[in-house]
Amino acid sequence: MSRSPAAFRSITFAAWRDGPPRQGGASGRHYVTLVELLVRLGGFGLGLTWKAQIHDIPDSEVEKASAGAGIDTLRLLALVAPDRQFVDGDFAGYEGDELRVVLREFDSTSWDLCTDDEALLAEFSRQFPDAEPTPEDVLQQIPWPTDLREL
């Protein structure tokens, strides 16, 4: 059974976060990276297979590694530096052949989390209190590869 994109909900939250000032008075702002989001997925993300499309870096190492059958979460974590900031990218996580989650980085300003898992949406909304439903016009622009075999 393939999940329908219509069953997916999406939230959008800011990629740049305020934090406590660093030593020496430097700003505490930090960027939420792909690695941070993968870690926040916790057990939900461990068994997923990932496909990546990184729009600002054609033929990136991550995109090449995820071509074909995709790569598992631990391999994706190993390929991406902890502080690596992409500009635009789509990271689709599959369980078997079915799409379970999409992490979409937009313009280095925001992230979209798209899934049909209500508990995951609630947890990310708790972790990122500024999260709002992704505008419908943005959702319509996202290619929804609901079945890994479609790629």
C-alpha atoms as a PDB file:
ATOM      1  CA  MET A   1       0.000   0.000   0.000  1.00  0.00           C
ATOM      2  CA  SER A   2       1.486   3.336  -1.013  1.00  0.00           C
ATOM      3  CA  ARG A   3       0.799   6.342   1.118  1.00  0.00           C
ATOM      4  CA  SER A   4      -0.995   9.168  -0.625  1.00  0.00           C
ATOM      5  CA  PRO A   5       0.669  12.594  -0.583  1.00  0.00           C
ATOM      6  CA  ALA A   6      -2.716  13.912   0.511  1.00  0.00           C
ATOM      7  CA  ALA A   7      -2.245  12.045   3.818  1.00  0.00           C
ATOM      8  CA  PHE A   8       0.939  13.986   4.506  1.00  0.00           C
ATOM      9  CA  ARG A   9       0.968  17.115   6.615  1.00  0.00           C
ATOM     10  CA  SER A  10       3.821  19.544   6.695  1.00  0.00           C
ATOM     11  CA  ILE A  11       5.174  22.097   9.128  1.00  0.00           C
ATOM     12  CA  THR A  12       7.674  24.852   8.414  1.00  0.00           C
ATOM     13  CA  PHE A  13      10.070  26.281  10.980  1.00  0.00           C
ATOM     14  CA  ALA A  14      12.985  28.712  10.955  1.00  0.00           C
ATOM     15  CA  ALA A  15      16.416  27.268  10.283  1.00  0.00           C
ATOM     16  CA  TRP A  16      18.218  29.921  12.324  1.00  0.00           C
ATOM     17  CA  ARG A  17      17.670  29.685  16.079  1.00  0.00           C
ATOM     18  CA  ASP A  18      18.544  32.020  18.929  1.00  0.00           C
ATOM     19  CA  GLY A  19      20.499  30.588  21.804  1.00  0.00           C
ATOM     20  CA  PRO A  20      22.454  31.840  24.776  1.00  0.00           C
ATOM     21  CA  PRO A  21      25.436  34.089  23.973  1.00  0.00           C
ATOM     22  CA  ARG A  22      28.690  32.237  23.450  1.00  0.00           C
ATOM     23  CA  GLN A  23      31.930  32.813  25.273  1.00  0.00           C
ATOM     24  CA  GLY A  24      33.319  36.253  24.470  1.00  0.00           C
ATOM     25  CA  GLY A  25      29.835  37.699  23.876  1.00  0.00           C
ATOM     26  CA  ALA A  26      29.394  36.269  20.369  1.00  0.00           C
ATOM     27  CA  SER A  27      25.841  35.721  19.195  1.00  0.00           C
ATOM     28  CA  GLY A  28      24.252  32.453  20.242  1.00  0.00           C
ATOM     29  CA  ARG A  29      22.462  32.052  16.903  1.00  0.00           C
ATOM     30  CA  HIS A  30      22.961  28.691  15.262  1.00  0.00           C
ATOM     31  CA  TYR A  31      21.750  26.964  12.145  1.00  0.00           C
ATOM     32  CA  VAL A  32      19.627  23.821  12.421  1.00  0.00           C
ATOM     33  CA  THR A  33      21.475  21.348  10.229  1.00  0.00           C
ATOM     34  CA  LEU A  34      20.367  18.166   8.518  1.00  0.00           C
ATOM     35  CA  VAL A  35      22.416  16.203  11.055  1.00  0.00           C
ATOM     36  CA  GLU A  36      20.540  17.834  13.925  1.00  0.00           C
ATOM     37  CA  LEU A  37      17.179  16.988  12.353  1.00  0.00           C
ATOM     38  CA  LEU A  38      18.188  13.393  11.654  1.00  0.00           C
ATOM     39  CA  VAL A  39      19.207  13.013  15.300  1.00  0.00           C
ATOM     40  CA  ARG A  40      15.906  14.582  16.422  1.00  0.00           C
ATOM     41  CA  LEU A  41      14.031  11.959  14.381  1.00  0.00           C
ATOM     42  CA  GLY A  42      15.360   9.462  16.911  1.00  0.00           C
ATOM     43  CA  GLY A  43      14.180   5.891  16.515  1.00  0.00           C
ATOM     44  CA  PHE A  44      11.687   6.929  13.834  1.00  0.00           C
ATOM     45  CA  GLY A  45      14.528   7.737  11.451  1.00  0.00           C
ATOM     46  CA  LEU A  46      16.918   4.877  12.167  1.00  0.00           C
ATOM     47  CA  GLY A  47      15.349   2.325   9.857  1.00  0.00           C
ATOM     48  CA  LEU A  48      14.773   4.688   6.946  1.00  0.00           C
ATOM     49  CA  THR A  49      16.440   4.685   3.548  1.00  0.00           C
ATOM     50  CA  TRP A  50      17.206   8.168   2.227  1.00  0.00           C
ATOM     51  CA  LYS A  51      17.204   9.770  -1.195  1.00  0.00           C
ATOM     52  CA  ALA A  52      18.673  13.273  -1.496  1.00  0.00           C
ATOM     53  CA  GLN A  53      18.297  16.051  -4.015  1.00  0.00           C
ATOM     54  CA  ILE A  54      20.594  18.949  -3.224  1.00  0.00           C
ATOM     55  CA  HIS A  55      19.696  21.756  -5.563  1.00  0.00           C
ATOM     56  CA  ASP A  56      22.558  24.123  -4.756  1.00  0.00           C
ATOM     57  CA  ILE A  57      25.314  21.490  -5.179  1.00  0.00           C
ATOM     58  CA  PRO A  58      24.726  19.409  -8.304  1.00  0.00           C
ATOM     59  CA  ASP A  59      26.240  15.921  -8.119  1.00  0.00           C
ATOM     60  CA  SER A  60      27.106  16.269  -4.436  1.00  0.00           C
ATOM     61  CA  GLU A  61      28.625  13.305  -2.626  1.00  0.00           C
ATOM     62  CA  VAL A  62      25.419  12.853  -0.627  1.00  0.00           C
ATOM     63  CA  GLU A  63      23.238  12.917  -3.730  1.00  0.00           C
ATOM     64  CA  LYS A  64      25.500  10.449  -5.537  1.00  0.00           C
ATOM     65  CA  ALA A  65      25.572   8.086  -2.548  1.00  0.00           C
ATOM     66  CA  SER A  66      21.789   8.127  -2.267  1.00  0.00           C
ATOM     67  CA  ALA A  67      21.223   7.407  -5.953  1.00  0.00           C
ATOM     68  CA  GLY A  68      19.734   4.046  -6.831  1.00  0.00           C
ATOM     69  CA  ALA A  69      18.557   2.154  -3.773  1.00  0.00           C
ATOM     70  CA  GLY A  70      19.284   5.036  -1.362  1.00  0.00           C
ATOM     71  CA  ILE A  71      21.367   5.074   1.820  1.00  0.00           C
ATOM     72  CA  ASP A  72      20.539   4.316   5.421  1.00  0.00           C
ATOM     73  CA  THR A  73      20.405   6.964   8.132  1.00  0.00           C
ATOM     74  CA  LEU A  74      23.774   6.128   9.664  1.00  0.00           C
ATOM     75  CA  ARG A  75      25.522   6.379   6.295  1.00  0.00           C
ATOM     76  CA  LEU A  76      23.794   9.728   5.627  1.00  0.00           C
ATOM     77  CA  LEU A  77      24.949  10.981   9.025  1.00  0.00           C
ATOM     78  CA  ALA A  78      28.496   9.857   8.226  1.00  0.00           C
ATOM     79  CA  LEU A  79      28.503  11.708   4.888  1.00  0.00           C
ATOM     80  CA  VAL A  80      27.242  15.050   6.184  1.00  0.00           C
ATOM     81  CA  ALA A  81      29.487  17.185   8.375  1.00  0.00           C
ATOM     82  CA  PRO A  82      27.697  18.127  11.615  1.00  0.00           C
ATOM     83  CA  ASP A  83      27.832  21.842  10.755  1.00  0.00           C
ATOM     84  CA  ARG A  84      27.045  21.431   7.010  1.00  0.00           C
ATOM     85  CA  GLN A  85      24.514  23.950   5.768  1.00  0.00           C
ATOM     86  CA  PHE A  86      22.913  23.379   2.387  1.00  0.00           C
ATOM     87  CA  VAL A  87      20.900  26.106   0.670  1.00  0.00           C
ATOM     88  CA  ASP A  88      18.130  24.059  -0.947  1.00  0.00           C
ATOM     89  CA  GLY A  89      17.668  20.336  -0.565  1.00  0.00           C
ATOM     90  CA  ASP A  90      15.105  17.584  -0.280  1.00  0.00           C
ATOM     91  CA  PHE A  91      15.834  14.539   1.861  1.00  0.00           C
ATOM     92  CA  ALA A  92      13.191  11.821   1.504  1.00  0.00           C
ATOM     93  CA  GLY A  93      13.118   8.972   4.009  1.00  0.00           C
ATOM     94  CA  TYR A  94      11.532   5.666   2.991  1.00  0.00           C
ATOM     95  CA  GLU A  95      10.501   2.655   5.010  1.00  0.00           C
ATOM     96  CA  GLY A  96      10.746  -0.187   2.524  1.00  0.00           C
ATOM     97  CA  ASP A  97       9.359   1.345  -0.660  1.00  0.00           C
ATOM     98  CA  GLU A  98       7.025   3.802   1.062  1.00  0.00           C
ATOM     99  CA  LEU A  99       7.746   7.457   1.713  1.00  0.00           C
ATOM    100  CA  ARG A 100       7.565   8.242   5.444  1.00  0.00           C
ATOM    101  CA  VAL A 101       9.142  11.665   5.835  1.00  0.00           C
ATOM    102  CA  VAL A 102      10.610  14.522   3.804  1.00  0.00           C
ATOM    103  CA  LEU A 103      12.996  17.078   5.264  1.00  0.00           C
ATOM    104  CA  ARG A 104      13.142  20.034   2.911  1.00  0.00           C
ATOM    105  CA  GLU A 105      15.667  22.804   3.378  1.00  0.00           C
ATOM    106  CA  PHE A 106      14.604  26.034   1.729  1.00  0.00           C
ATOM    107  CA  ASP A 107      16.948  28.915   0.968  1.00  0.00           C
ATOM    108  CA  SER A 108      18.914  28.381   4.208  1.00  0.00           C
ATOM    109  CA  THR A 109      16.063  30.120   6.011  1.00  0.00           C
ATOM    110  CA  SER A 110      13.602  27.371   6.854  1.00  0.00           C
ATOM    111  CA  TRP A 111      12.938  23.669   7.038  1.00  0.00           C
ATOM    112  CA  ASP A 112       9.795  21.767   6.129  1.00  0.00           C
ATOM    113  CA  LEU A 113       8.989  18.481   7.824  1.00  0.00           C
ATOM    114  CA  CYS A 114       6.465  16.512   5.786  1.00  0.00           C
ATOM    115  CA  THR A 115       5.007  13.240   7.056  1.00  0.00           C
ATOM    116  CA  ASP A 116       1.806  11.372   7.799  1.00  0.00           C
ATOM    117  CA  ASP A 117       3.055  10.519  11.309  1.00  0.00           C
ATOM    118  CA  GLU A 118       1.092  12.713  13.721  1.00  0.00           C
ATOM    119  CA  ALA A 119       3.377  11.921  16.687  1.00  0.00           C
ATOM    120  CA  LEU A 120       6.427  13.099  14.732  1.00  0.00           C
ATOM    121  CA  LEU A 121       4.669  16.319  13.706  1.00  0.00           C
ATOM    122  CA  ALA A 122       3.663  16.949  17.319  1.00  0.00           C
ATOM    123  CA  GLU A 123       7.201  16.307  18.614  1.00  0.00           C
ATOM    124  CA  PHE A 124       8.823  18.619  16.063  1.00  0.00           C
ATOM    125  CA  SER A 125       6.196  21.286  16.791  1.00  0.00           C
ATOM    126  CA  ARG A 126       7.134  20.991  20.462  1.00  0.00           C
ATOM    127  CA  GLN A 127      10.861  21.207  19.695  1.00  0.00           C
ATOM    128  CA  PHE A 128      10.370  24.130  17.293  1.00  0.00           C
ATOM    129  CA  PRO A 129       7.605  26.303  18.799  1.00  0.00           C
ATOM    130  CA  ASP A 130       7.624  28.631  15.767  1.00  0.00           C
ATOM    131  CA  ALA A 131       6.493  25.749  13.517  1.00  0.00           C
ATOM    132  CA  GLU A 132       3.461  26.519  11.393  1.00  0.00           C
ATOM    133  CA  PRO A 133       1.580  24.541   8.764  1.00  0.00           C
ATOM    134  CA  THR A 134       3.430  24.783   5.449  1.00  0.00           C
ATOM    135  CA  PRO A 135       1.500  27.031   3.041  1.00  0.00           C
ATOM    136  CA  GLU A 136      -0.522  25.069   0.473  1.00  0.00           C
ATOM    137  CA  ASP A 137       1.201  26.736  -2.501  1.00  0.00           C
ATOM    138  CA  VAL A 138       4.577  25.540  -1.195  1.00  0.00           C
ATOM    139  CA  LEU A 139       3.284  21.995  -0.739  1.00  0.00           C
ATOM    140  CA  GLN A 140       2.106  21.912  -4.346  1.00  0.00           C
ATOM    141  CA  GLN A 141       5.668  22.636  -5.513  1.00  0.00           C
ATOM    142  CA  ILE A 142       7.149  19.648  -3.681  1.00  0.00           C
ATOM    143  CA  PRO A 143       7.535  16.563  -5.833  1.00  0.00           C
ATOM    144  CA  TRP A 144       6.086  13.740  -3.779  1.00  0.00           C
ATOM    145  CA  PRO A 145       7.854  10.500  -4.670  1.00  0.00           C
ATOM    146  CA  THR A 146       5.536   8.363  -2.532  1.00  0.00           C
ATOM    147  CA  ASP A 147       7.098   5.129  -3.724  1.00  0.00           C
ATOM    148  CA  LEU A 148      10.865   4.590  -3.771  1.00  0.00           C
ATOM    149  CA  ARG A 149      10.505   2.679  -7.031  1.00  0.00           C
ATOM    150  CA  GLU A 150       9.301   5.918  -8.716  1.00  0.00           C
ATOM    151  CA  LEU A 151      12.771   7.447  -8.464  1.00  0.00           C
END
